[in-house]
mmCIF file of all heavy atoms, coordinates in Angstrom:
data_MODEL
# 
_entry.id   MODEL 
# 
loop_
_atom_site.group_PDB 
_atom_site.id 
_atom_site.type_symbol 
_atom_site.label_atom_id 
_atom_site.label_alt_id 
_atom_site.label_comp_id 
_atom_site.label_asym_id 
_atom_site.label_entity_id 
_atom_site.label_seq_id 
_atom_site.pdbx_PDB_ins_code 
_atom_site.Cartn_x 
_atom_site.Cartn_y 
_atom_site.Cartn_z 
_atom_site.occupancy 
_atom_site.B_iso_or_equiv 
_atom_site.pdbx_formal_charge 
_atom_site.auth_seq_id 
_atom_site.auth_comp_id 
_atom_site.auth_asym_id 
_atom_site.auth_atom_id 
_atom_site.pdbx_PDB_model_num 
ATOM 1   N N   . PHE A 1 1  ? -69.235 -0.426  -32.471 1.00 0.00 ? 1  PHE A N   1 
ATOM 2   C CA  . PHE A 1 1  ? -69.270 0.898   -33.085 1.00 0.00 ? 1  PHE A CA  1 
ATOM 3   C C   . PHE A 1 1  ? -67.984 1.102   -33.867 1.00 0.00 ? 1  PHE A C   1 
ATOM 4   O O   . PHE A 1 1  ? -66.890 0.823   -33.378 1.00 0.00 ? 1  PHE A O   1 
ATOM 5   C CB  . PHE A 1 1  ? -69.437 1.967   -31.995 1.00 0.00 ? 1  PHE A CB  1 
ATOM 6   C CG  . PHE A 1 1  ? -69.109 3.363   -32.463 1.00 0.00 ? 1  PHE A CG  1 
ATOM 7   C CD1 . PHE A 1 1  ? -69.846 3.966   -33.463 1.00 0.00 ? 1  PHE A CD1 1 
ATOM 8   C CD2 . PHE A 1 1  ? -68.046 4.059   -31.912 1.00 0.00 ? 1  PHE A CD2 1 
ATOM 9   C CE1 . PHE A 1 1  ? -69.542 5.248   -33.896 1.00 0.00 ? 1  PHE A CE1 1 
ATOM 10  C CE2 . PHE A 1 1  ? -67.735 5.340   -32.332 1.00 0.00 ? 1  PHE A CE2 1 
ATOM 11  C CZ  . PHE A 1 1  ? -68.484 5.944   -33.329 1.00 0.00 ? 1  PHE A CZ  1 
ATOM 12  N N   . THR A 1 2  ? -68.093 1.626   -35.089 1.00 0.00 ? 2  THR A N   1 
ATOM 13  C CA  . THR A 1 2  ? -66.904 1.843   -35.918 1.00 0.00 ? 2  THR A CA  1 
ATOM 14  C C   . THR A 1 2  ? -66.568 3.324   -35.985 1.00 0.00 ? 2  THR A C   1 
ATOM 15  O O   . THR A 1 2  ? -65.581 3.773   -35.405 1.00 0.00 ? 2  THR A O   1 
ATOM 16  C CB  . THR A 1 2  ? -67.116 1.251   -37.321 1.00 0.00 ? 2  THR A CB  1 
ATOM 17  O OG1 . THR A 1 2  ? -68.327 1.777   -37.890 1.00 0.00 ? 2  THR A OG1 1 
ATOM 18  C CG2 . THR A 1 2  ? -67.208 -0.272  -37.254 1.00 0.00 ? 2  THR A CG2 1 
ATOM 19  N N   . SER A 1 3  ? -67.405 4.107   -36.632 1.00 0.00 ? 3  SER A N   1 
ATOM 20  C CA  . SER A 1 3  ? -67.215 5.563   -36.668 1.00 0.00 ? 3  SER A CA  1 
ATOM 21  C C   . SER A 1 3  ? -68.506 6.186   -37.190 1.00 0.00 ? 3  SER A C   1 
ATOM 22  O O   . SER A 1 3  ? -69.307 5.502   -37.841 1.00 0.00 ? 3  SER A O   1 
ATOM 23  C CB  . SER A 1 3  ? -66.033 5.960   -37.562 1.00 0.00 ? 3  SER A CB  1 
ATOM 24  O OG  . SER A 1 3  ? -66.263 5.561   -38.899 1.00 0.00 ? 3  SER A OG  1 
ATOM 25  N N   . GLY A 1 4  ? -68.706 7.475   -36.899 1.00 0.00 ? 4  GLY A N   1 
ATOM 26  C CA  . GLY A 1 4  ? -69.921 8.147   -37.351 1.00 0.00 ? 4  GLY A CA  1 
ATOM 27  C C   . GLY A 1 4  ? -71.155 7.450   -36.817 1.00 0.00 ? 4  GLY A C   1 
ATOM 28  O O   . GLY A 1 4  ? -71.357 7.330   -35.613 1.00 0.00 ? 4  GLY A O   1 
ATOM 29  N N   . ARG A 1 5  ? -71.995 6.969   -37.730 1.00 0.00 ? 5  ARG A N   1 
ATOM 30  C CA  . ARG A 1 5  ? -73.174 6.179   -37.351 1.00 0.00 ? 5  ARG A CA  1 
ATOM 31  C C   . ARG A 1 5  ? -72.966 4.703   -37.667 1.00 0.00 ? 5  ARG A C   1 
ATOM 32  O O   . ARG A 1 5  ? -73.902 3.902   -37.609 1.00 0.00 ? 5  ARG A O   1 
ATOM 33  C CB  . ARG A 1 5  ? -74.434 6.706   -38.070 1.00 0.00 ? 5  ARG A CB  1 
ATOM 34  C CG  . ARG A 1 5  ? -74.894 8.075   -37.574 1.00 0.00 ? 5  ARG A CG  1 
ATOM 35  C CD  . ARG A 1 5  ? -76.272 8.416   -38.162 1.00 0.00 ? 5  ARG A CD  1 
ATOM 36  N NE  . ARG A 1 5  ? -76.801 9.641   -37.575 1.00 0.00 ? 5  ARG A NE  1 
ATOM 37  C CZ  . ARG A 1 5  ? -76.591 10.865  -38.051 1.00 0.00 ? 5  ARG A CZ  1 
ATOM 38  N NH1 . ARG A 1 5  ? -75.836 11.005  -39.143 1.00 0.00 ? 5  ARG A NH1 1 
ATOM 39  N NH2 . ARG A 1 5  ? -77.104 11.922  -37.466 1.00 0.00 ? 5  ARG A NH2 1 
ATOM 40  N N   . GLY A 1 6  ? -71.744 4.330   -37.997 1.00 0.00 ? 6  GLY A N   1 
ATOM 41  C CA  . GLY A 1 6  ? -71.466 2.960   -38.404 1.00 0.00 ? 6  GLY A CA  1 
ATOM 42  C C   . GLY A 1 6  ? -71.395 1.999   -37.231 1.00 0.00 ? 6  GLY A C   1 
ATOM 43  O O   . GLY A 1 6  ? -70.766 2.293   -36.206 1.00 0.00 ? 6  GLY A O   1 
ATOM 44  N N   . VAL A 1 7  ? -72.032 0.844   -37.366 1.00 0.00 ? 7  VAL A N   1 
ATOM 45  C CA  . VAL A 1 7  ? -72.004 -0.216  -36.361 1.00 0.00 ? 7  VAL A CA  1 
ATOM 46  C C   . VAL A 1 7  ? -71.868 -1.550  -37.085 1.00 0.00 ? 7  VAL A C   1 
ATOM 47  O O   . VAL A 1 7  ? -72.665 -1.864  -37.980 1.00 0.00 ? 7  VAL A O   1 
ATOM 48  C CB  . VAL A 1 7  ? -73.289 -0.235  -35.495 1.00 0.00 ? 7  VAL A CB  1 
ATOM 49  C CG1 . VAL A 1 7  ? -73.233 -1.375  -34.480 1.00 0.00 ? 7  VAL A CG1 1 
ATOM 50  C CG2 . VAL A 1 7  ? -73.476 1.101   -34.781 1.00 0.00 ? 7  VAL A CG2 1 
ATOM 51  N N   . ALA A 1 8  ? -70.852 -2.327  -36.734 1.00 0.00 ? 8  ALA A N   1 
ATOM 52  C CA  . ALA A 1 8  ? -70.710 -3.685  -37.255 1.00 0.00 ? 8  ALA A CA  1 
ATOM 53  C C   . ALA A 1 8  ? -71.376 -4.644  -36.280 1.00 0.00 ? 8  ALA A C   1 
ATOM 54  O O   . ALA A 1 8  ? -71.267 -4.488  -35.060 1.00 0.00 ? 8  ALA A O   1 
ATOM 55  C CB  . ALA A 1 8  ? -69.232 -4.037  -37.412 1.00 0.00 ? 8  ALA A CB  1 
ATOM 56  N N   . VAL A 1 9  ? -72.100 -5.637  -36.808 1.00 0.00 ? 9  VAL A N   1 
ATOM 57  C CA  . VAL A 1 9  ? -72.744 -6.643  -35.971 1.00 0.00 ? 9  VAL A CA  1 
ATOM 58  C C   . VAL A 1 9  ? -72.322 -8.024  -36.444 1.00 0.00 ? 9  VAL A C   1 
ATOM 59  O O   . VAL A 1 9  ? -71.964 -8.226  -37.606 1.00 0.00 ? 9  VAL A O   1 
ATOM 60  C CB  . VAL A 1 9  ? -74.286 -6.512  -35.978 1.00 0.00 ? 9  VAL A CB  1 
ATOM 61  C CG1 . VAL A 1 9  ? -74.714 -5.143  -35.468 1.00 0.00 ? 9  VAL A CG1 1 
ATOM 62  C CG2 . VAL A 1 9  ? -74.857 -6.774  -37.375 1.00 0.00 ? 9  VAL A CG2 1 
ATOM 63  N N   . GLU A 1 10 ? -72.392 -8.976  -35.539 1.00 0.00 ? 10 GLU A N   1 
ATOM 64  C CA  . GLU A 1 10 ? -72.041 -10.351 -35.893 1.00 0.00 ? 10 GLU A CA  1 
ATOM 65  C C   . GLU A 1 10 ? -73.127 -10.986 -36.757 1.00 0.00 ? 10 GLU A C   1 
ATOM 66  O O   . GLU A 1 10 ? -74.284 -10.541 -36.793 1.00 0.00 ? 10 GLU A O   1 
ATOM 67  C CB  . GLU A 1 10 ? -71.787 -11.175 -34.639 1.00 0.00 ? 10 GLU A CB  1 
ATOM 68  C CG  . GLU A 1 10 ? -70.485 -10.796 -33.955 1.00 0.00 ? 10 GLU A CG  1 
ATOM 69  C CD  . GLU A 1 10 ? -69.989 -11.868 -33.002 1.00 0.00 ? 10 GLU A CD  1 
ATOM 70  O OE1 . GLU A 1 10 ? -70.443 -11.889 -31.843 1.00 0.00 ? 10 GLU A OE1 1 
ATOM 71  O OE2 . GLU A 1 10 ? -69.134 -12.677 -33.405 1.00 0.00 ? 10 GLU A OE2 1 
ATOM 72  N N   . TRP A 1 11 ? -72.742 -12.066 -37.400 1.00 0.00 ? 11 TRP A N   1 
ATOM 73  C CA  . TRP A 1 11 ? -73.599 -12.724 -38.384 1.00 0.00 ? 11 TRP A CA  1 
ATOM 74  C C   . TRP A 1 11 ? -74.908 -13.225 -37.796 1.00 0.00 ? 11 TRP A C   1 
ATOM 75  O O   . TRP A 1 11 ? -75.917 -13.353 -38.503 1.00 0.00 ? 11 TRP A O   1 
ATOM 76  C CB  . TRP A 1 11 ? -72.842 -13.907 -39.005 1.00 0.00 ? 11 TRP A CB  1 
ATOM 77  C CG  . TRP A 1 11 ? -72.492 -14.974 -37.995 1.00 0.00 ? 11 TRP A CG  1 
ATOM 78  C CD1 . TRP A 1 11 ? -71.384 -14.998 -37.193 1.00 0.00 ? 11 TRP A CD1 1 
ATOM 79  C CD2 . TRP A 1 11 ? -73.252 -16.137 -37.658 1.00 0.00 ? 11 TRP A CD2 1 
ATOM 80  N NE1 . TRP A 1 11 ? -71.394 -16.111 -36.371 1.00 0.00 ? 11 TRP A NE1 1 
ATOM 81  C CE2 . TRP A 1 11 ? -72.544 -16.819 -36.642 1.00 0.00 ? 11 TRP A CE2 1 
ATOM 82  C CE3 . TRP A 1 11 ? -74.460 -16.669 -38.106 1.00 0.00 ? 11 TRP A CE3 1 
ATOM 83  C CZ2 . TRP A 1 11 ? -73.009 -18.009 -36.063 1.00 0.00 ? 11 TRP A CZ2 1 
ATOM 84  C CZ3 . TRP A 1 11 ? -74.923 -17.855 -37.529 1.00 0.00 ? 11 TRP A CZ3 1 
ATOM 85  C CH2 . TRP A 1 11 ? -74.194 -18.506 -36.529 1.00 0.00 ? 11 TRP A CH2 1 
ATOM 86  N N   . ASP A 1 12 ? -74.938 -13.523 -36.479 1.00 0.00 ? 12 ASP A N   1 
ATOM 87  C CA  . ASP A 1 12 ? -76.125 -14.134 -35.890 1.00 0.00 ? 12 ASP A CA  1 
ATOM 88  C C   . ASP A 1 12 ? -77.063 -13.125 -35.232 1.00 0.00 ? 12 ASP A C   1 
ATOM 89  O O   . ASP A 1 12 ? -78.005 -13.517 -34.533 1.00 0.00 ? 12 ASP A O   1 
ATOM 90  C CB  . ASP A 1 12 ? -75.740 -15.226 -34.903 1.00 0.00 ? 12 ASP A CB  1 
ATOM 91  C CG  . ASP A 1 12 ? -74.638 -14.843 -33.921 1.00 0.00 ? 12 ASP A CG  1 
ATOM 92  O OD1 . ASP A 1 12 ? -73.982 -13.814 -34.149 1.00 0.00 ? 12 ASP A OD1 1 
ATOM 93  O OD2 . ASP A 1 12 ? -74.422 -15.588 -32.944 1.00 0.00 ? 12 ASP A OD2 1 
ATOM 94  N N   . VAL A 1 13 ? -76.828 -11.820 -35.425 1.00 0.00 ? 13 VAL A N   1 
ATOM 95  C CA  . VAL A 1 13 ? -77.807 -10.823 -34.997 1.00 0.00 ? 13 VAL A CA  1 
ATOM 96  C C   . VAL A 1 13 ? -79.012 -10.925 -35.935 1.00 0.00 ? 13 VAL A C   1 
ATOM 97  O O   . VAL A 1 13 ? -78.860 -10.866 -37.160 1.00 0.00 ? 13 VAL A O   1 
ATOM 98  C CB  . VAL A 1 13 ? -77.208 -9.402  -35.032 1.00 0.00 ? 13 VAL A CB  1 
ATOM 99  C CG1 . VAL A 1 13 ? -78.283 -8.356  -34.771 1.00 0.00 ? 13 VAL A CG1 1 
ATOM 100 C CG2 . VAL A 1 13 ? -76.087 -9.274  -33.998 1.00 0.00 ? 13 VAL A CG2 1 
ATOM 101 N N   . PRO A 1 14 ? -80.217 -11.082 -35.387 1.00 0.00 ? 14 PRO A N   1 
ATOM 102 C CA  . PRO A 1 14 ? -81.400 -11.287 -36.255 1.00 0.00 ? 14 PRO A CA  1 
ATOM 103 C C   . PRO A 1 14 ? -81.638 -10.123 -37.216 1.00 0.00 ? 14 PRO A C   1 
ATOM 104 O O   . PRO A 1 14 ? -81.376 -8.966  -36.911 1.00 0.00 ? 14 PRO A O   1 
ATOM 105 C CB  . PRO A 1 14 ? -82.558 -11.409 -35.248 1.00 0.00 ? 14 PRO A CB  1 
ATOM 106 C CG  . PRO A 1 14 ? -81.913 -11.841 -33.963 1.00 0.00 ? 14 PRO A CG  1 
ATOM 107 C CD  . PRO A 1 14 ? -80.558 -11.186 -33.952 1.00 0.00 ? 14 PRO A CD  1 
ATOM 108 N N   . ALA A 1 15 ? -82.188 -10.458 -38.368 1.00 0.00 ? 15 ALA A N   1 
ATOM 109 C CA  . ALA A 1 15 ? -82.469 -9.450  -39.396 1.00 0.00 ? 15 ALA A CA  1 
ATOM 110 C C   . ALA A 1 15 ? -83.434 -8.389  -38.887 1.00 0.00 ? 15 ALA A C   1 
ATOM 111 O O   . ALA A 1 15 ? -83.294 -7.199  -39.206 1.00 0.00 ? 15 ALA A O   1 
ATOM 112 C CB  . ALA A 1 15 ? -83.038 -10.129 -40.646 1.00 0.00 ? 15 ALA A CB  1 
ATOM 113 N N   . ALA A 1 16 ? -84.418 -8.791  -38.080 1.00 0.00 ? 16 ALA A N   1 
ATOM 114 C CA  . ALA A 1 16 ? -85.382 -7.825  -37.552 1.00 0.00 ? 16 ALA A CA  1 
ATOM 115 C C   . ALA A 1 16 ? -84.708 -6.805  -36.636 1.00 0.00 ? 16 ALA A C   1 
ATOM 116 O O   . ALA A 1 16 ? -85.086 -5.623  -36.622 1.00 0.00 ? 16 ALA A O   1 
ATOM 117 C CB  . ALA A 1 16 ? -86.496 -8.552  -36.797 1.00 0.00 ? 16 ALA A CB  1 
ATOM 118 N N   . THR A 1 17 ? -83.697 -7.243  -35.873 1.00 0.00 ? 17 THR A N   1 
ATOM 119 C CA  . THR A 1 17 ? -82.946 -6.332  -35.005 1.00 0.00 ? 17 THR A CA  1 
ATOM 120 C C   . THR A 1 17 ? -82.157 -5.333  -35.848 1.00 0.00 ? 17 THR A C   1 
ATOM 121 O O   . THR A 1 17 ? -82.118 -4.136  -35.538 1.00 0.00 ? 17 THR A O   1 
ATOM 122 C CB  . THR A 1 17 ? -82.003 -7.133  -34.099 1.00 0.00 ? 17 THR A CB  1 
ATOM 123 O OG1 . THR A 1 17 ? -82.772 -8.050  -33.313 1.00 0.00 ? 17 THR A OG1 1 
ATOM 124 C CG2 . THR A 1 17 ? -81.213 -6.211  -33.172 1.00 0.00 ? 17 THR A CG2 1 
ATOM 125 N N   . ILE A 1 18 ? -81.534 -5.824  -36.907 1.00 0.00 ? 18 ILE A N   1 
ATOM 126 C CA  . ILE A 1 18 ? -80.786 -4.944  -37.804 1.00 0.00 ? 18 ILE A CA  1 
ATOM 127 C C   . ILE A 1 18 ? -81.700 -3.905  -38.429 1.00 0.00 ? 18 ILE A C   1 
ATOM 128 O O   . ILE A 1 18 ? -81.374 -2.707  -38.489 1.00 0.00 ? 18 ILE A O   1 
ATOM 129 C CB  . ILE A 1 18 ? -80.059 -5.776  -38.885 1.00 0.00 ? 18 ILE A CB  1 
ATOM 130 C CG1 . ILE A 1 18 ? -78.967 -6.638  -38.239 1.00 0.00 ? 18 ILE A CG1 1 
ATOM 131 C CG2 . ILE A 1 18 ? -79.475 -4.870  -39.966 1.00 0.00 ? 18 ILE A CG2 1 
ATOM 132 C CD1 . ILE A 1 18 ? -78.302 -7.607  -39.194 1.00 0.00 ? 18 ILE A CD1 1 
ATOM 133 N N   . GLU A 1 19 ? -82.872 -4.324  -38.886 1.00 0.00 ? 19 GLU A N   1 
ATOM 134 C CA  . GLU A 1 19 ? -83.824 -3.392  -39.494 1.00 0.00 ? 19 GLU A CA  1 
ATOM 135 C C   . GLU A 1 19 ? -84.251 -2.314  -38.502 1.00 0.00 ? 19 GLU A C   1 
ATOM 136 O O   . GLU A 1 19 ? -84.380 -1.127  -38.859 1.00 0.00 ? 19 GLU A O   1 
ATOM 137 C CB  . GLU A 1 19 ? -85.045 -4.158  -40.014 1.00 0.00 ? 19 GLU A CB  1 
ATOM 138 C CG  . GLU A 1 19 ? -84.738 -5.039  -41.220 1.00 0.00 ? 19 GLU A CG  1 
ATOM 139 C CD  . GLU A 1 19 ? -85.911 -5.934  -41.593 1.00 0.00 ? 19 GLU A CD  1 
ATOM 140 O OE1 . GLU A 1 19 ? -86.998 -5.789  -40.975 1.00 0.00 ? 19 GLU A OE1 1 
ATOM 141 O OE2 . GLU A 1 19 ? -85.746 -6.787  -42.475 1.00 0.00 ? 19 GLU A OE2 1 
ATOM 142 N N   . ALA A 1 20 ? -84.475 -2.709  -37.239 1.00 0.00 ? 20 ALA A N   1 
ATOM 143 C CA  . ALA A 1 20 ? -84.891 -1.744  -36.220 1.00 0.00 ? 20 ALA A CA  1 
ATOM 144 C C   . ALA A 1 20 ? -83.782 -0.746  -35.918 1.00 0.00 ? 20 ALA A C   1 
ATOM 145 O O   . ALA A 1 20 ? -84.039 0.446   -35.704 1.00 0.00 ? 20 ALA A O   1 
ATOM 146 C CB  . ALA A 1 20 ? -85.316 -2.480  -34.955 1.00 0.00 ? 20 ALA A CB  1 
ATOM 147 N N   . LEU A 1 21 ? -82.538 -1.220  -35.905 1.00 0.00 ? 21 LEU A N   1 
ATOM 148 C CA  . LEU A 1 21 ? -81.404 -0.318  -35.684 1.00 0.00 ? 21 LEU A CA  1 
ATOM 149 C C   . LEU A 1 21 ? -81.232 0.640   -36.865 1.00 0.00 ? 21 LEU A C   1 
ATOM 150 O O   . LEU A 1 21 ? -80.958 1.831   -36.684 1.00 0.00 ? 21 LEU A O   1 
ATOM 151 C CB  . LEU A 1 21 ? -80.128 -1.127  -35.458 1.00 0.00 ? 21 LEU A CB  1 
ATOM 152 C CG  . LEU A 1 21 ? -80.020 -1.852  -34.110 1.00 0.00 ? 21 LEU A CG  1 
ATOM 153 C CD1 . LEU A 1 21 ? -78.843 -2.818  -34.126 1.00 0.00 ? 21 LEU A CD1 1 
ATOM 154 C CD2 . LEU A 1 21 ? -79.877 -0.859  -32.964 1.00 0.00 ? 21 LEU A CD2 1 
ATOM 155 N N   . GLU A 1 22 ? -81.398 0.134   -38.060 1.00 0.00 ? 22 GLU A N   1 
ATOM 156 C CA  . GLU A 1 22 ? -81.295 0.995   -39.242 1.00 0.00 ? 22 GLU A CA  1 
ATOM 157 C C   . GLU A 1 22 ? -82.392 2.050   -39.253 1.00 0.00 ? 22 GLU A C   1 
ATOM 158 O O   . GLU A 1 22 ? -82.176 3.186   -39.692 1.00 0.00 ? 22 GLU A O   1 
ATOM 159 C CB  . GLU A 1 22 ? -81.338 0.137   -40.505 1.00 0.00 ? 22 GLU A CB  1 
ATOM 160 C CG  . GLU A 1 22 ? -80.060 -0.685  -40.706 1.00 0.00 ? 22 GLU A CG  1 
ATOM 161 C CD  . GLU A 1 22 ? -80.113 -1.600  -41.901 1.00 0.00 ? 22 GLU A CD  1 
ATOM 162 O OE1 . GLU A 1 22 ? -81.226 -2.010  -42.302 1.00 0.00 ? 22 GLU A OE1 1 
ATOM 163 O OE2 . GLU A 1 22 ? -79.037 -1.919  -42.444 1.00 0.00 ? 22 GLU A OE2 1 
ATOM 164 N N   . ALA A 1 23 ? -83.562 1.697   -38.739 1.00 0.00 ? 23 ALA A N   1 
ATOM 165 C CA  . ALA A 1 23 ? -84.653 2.664   -38.661 1.00 0.00 ? 23 ALA A CA  1 
ATOM 166 C C   . ALA A 1 23 ? -84.326 3.810   -37.706 1.00 0.00 ? 23 ALA A C   1 
ATOM 167 O O   . ALA A 1 23 ? -84.868 4.914   -37.832 1.00 0.00 ? 23 ALA A O   1 
ATOM 168 C CB  . ALA A 1 23 ? -85.944 1.968   -38.218 1.00 0.00 ? 23 ALA A CB  1 
ATOM 169 N N   . LYS A 1 24 ? -83.418 3.554   -36.749 1.00 0.00 ? 24 LYS A N   1 
ATOM 170 C CA  . LYS A 1 24 ? -82.976 4.596   -35.827 1.00 0.00 ? 24 LYS A CA  1 
ATOM 171 C C   . LYS A 1 24 ? -81.820 5.413   -36.400 1.00 0.00 ? 24 LYS A C   1 
ATOM 172 O O   . LYS A 1 24 ? -81.307 6.327   -35.748 1.00 0.00 ? 24 LYS A O   1 
ATOM 173 C CB  . LYS A 1 24 ? -82.555 3.976   -34.488 1.00 0.00 ? 24 LYS A CB  1 
ATOM 174 C CG  . LYS A 1 24 ? -83.705 3.368   -33.680 1.00 0.00 ? 24 LYS A CG  1 
ATOM 175 C CD  . LYS A 1 24 ? -83.179 2.760   -32.382 1.00 0.00 ? 24 LYS A CD  1 
ATOM 176 C CE  . LYS A 1 24 ? -84.296 2.095   -31.579 1.00 0.00 ? 24 LYS A CE  1 
ATOM 177 N NZ  . LYS A 1 24 ? -85.221 3.100   -30.991 1.00 0.00 ? 24 LYS A NZ  1 
ATOM 178 N N   . GLY A 1 25 ? -81.373 5.067   -37.596 1.00 0.00 ? 25 GLY A N   1 
ATOM 179 C CA  . GLY A 1 25 ? -80.310 5.829   -38.244 1.00 0.00 ? 25 GLY A CA  1 
ATOM 180 C C   . GLY A 1 25 ? -78.938 5.201   -38.181 1.00 0.00 ? 25 GLY A C   1 
ATOM 181 O O   . GLY A 1 25 ? -77.971 5.778   -38.689 1.00 0.00 ? 25 GLY A O   1 
ATOM 182 N N   . HIS A 1 26 ? -78.813 4.022   -37.566 1.00 0.00 ? 26 HIS A N   1 
ATOM 183 C CA  . HIS A 1 26 ? -77.520 3.348   -37.544 1.00 0.00 ? 26 HIS A CA  1 
ATOM 184 C C   . HIS A 1 26 ? -77.212 2.765   -38.924 1.00 0.00 ? 26 HIS A C   1 
ATOM 185 O O   . HIS A 1 26 ? -78.110 2.250   -39.607 1.00 0.00 ? 26 HIS A O   1 
ATOM 186 C CB  . HIS A 1 26 ? -77.520 2.212   -36.512 1.00 0.00 ? 26 HIS A CB  1 
ATOM 187 C CG  . HIS A 1 26 ? -77.710 2.672   -35.106 1.00 0.00 ? 26 HIS A CG  1 
ATOM 188 N ND1 . HIS A 1 26 ? -76.703 3.271   -34.379 1.00 0.00 ? 26 HIS A ND1 1 
ATOM 189 C CD2 . HIS A 1 26 ? -78.799 2.639   -34.285 1.00 0.00 ? 26 HIS A CD2 1 
ATOM 190 C CE1 . HIS A 1 26 ? -77.160 3.572   -33.169 1.00 0.00 ? 26 HIS A CE1 1 
ATOM 191 N NE2 . HIS A 1 26 ? -78.434 3.205   -33.088 1.00 0.00 ? 26 HIS A NE2 1 
ATOM 192 N N   . GLN A 1 27 ? -75.968 2.833   -39.304 1.00 0.00 ? 27 GLN A N   1 
ATOM 193 C CA  . GLN A 1 27 ? -75.522 2.243   -40.573 1.00 0.00 ? 27 GLN A CA  1 
ATOM 194 C C   . GLN A 1 27 ? -74.870 0.904   -40.252 1.00 0.00 ? 27 GLN A C   1 
ATOM 195 O O   . GLN A 1 27 ? -73.742 0.838   -39.779 1.00 0.00 ? 27 GLN A O   1 
ATOM 196 C CB  . GLN A 1 27 ? -74.557 3.195   -41.274 1.00 0.00 ? 27 GLN A CB  1 
ATOM 197 C CG  . GLN A 1 27 ? -75.194 4.515   -41.656 1.00 0.00 ? 27 GLN A CG  1 
ATOM 198 C CD  . GLN A 1 27 ? -74.201 5.560   -42.100 1.00 0.00 ? 27 GLN A CD  1 
ATOM 199 O OE1 . GLN A 1 27 ? -72.991 5.371   -42.010 1.00 0.00 ? 27 GLN A OE1 1 
ATOM 200 N NE2 . GLN A 1 27 ? -74.701 6.695   -42.572 1.00 0.00 ? 27 GLN A NE2 1 
ATOM 201 N N   . ILE A 1 28 ? -75.613 -0.169  -40.488 1.00 0.00 ? 28 ILE A N   1 
ATOM 202 C CA  . ILE A 1 28 ? -75.228 -1.495  -40.012 1.00 0.00 ? 28 ILE A CA  1 
ATOM 203 C C   . ILE A 1 28 ? -74.484 -2.274  -41.088 1.00 0.00 ? 28 ILE A C   1 
ATOM 204 O O   . ILE A 1 28 ? -74.916 -2.337  -42.242 1.00 0.00 ? 28 ILE A O   1 
ATOM 205 C CB  . ILE A 1 28 ? -76.470 -2.297  -39.569 1.00 0.00 ? 28 ILE A CB  1 
ATOM 206 C CG1 . ILE A 1 28 ? -77.270 -1.526  -38.507 1.00 0.00 ? 28 ILE A CG1 1 
ATOM 207 C CG2 . ILE A 1 28 ? -76.052 -3.664  -39.045 1.00 0.00 ? 28 ILE A CG2 1 
ATOM 208 C CD1 . ILE A 1 28 ? -76.528 -1.274  -37.222 1.00 0.00 ? 28 ILE A CD1 1 
# 
């Protein structure tokens, strides 16, 4: 977690996981 809704993820987090998190409002 960075700030606000911002979340940094490592390079090997699957794209589908990132899309699902973004759908919940996280800024990845």
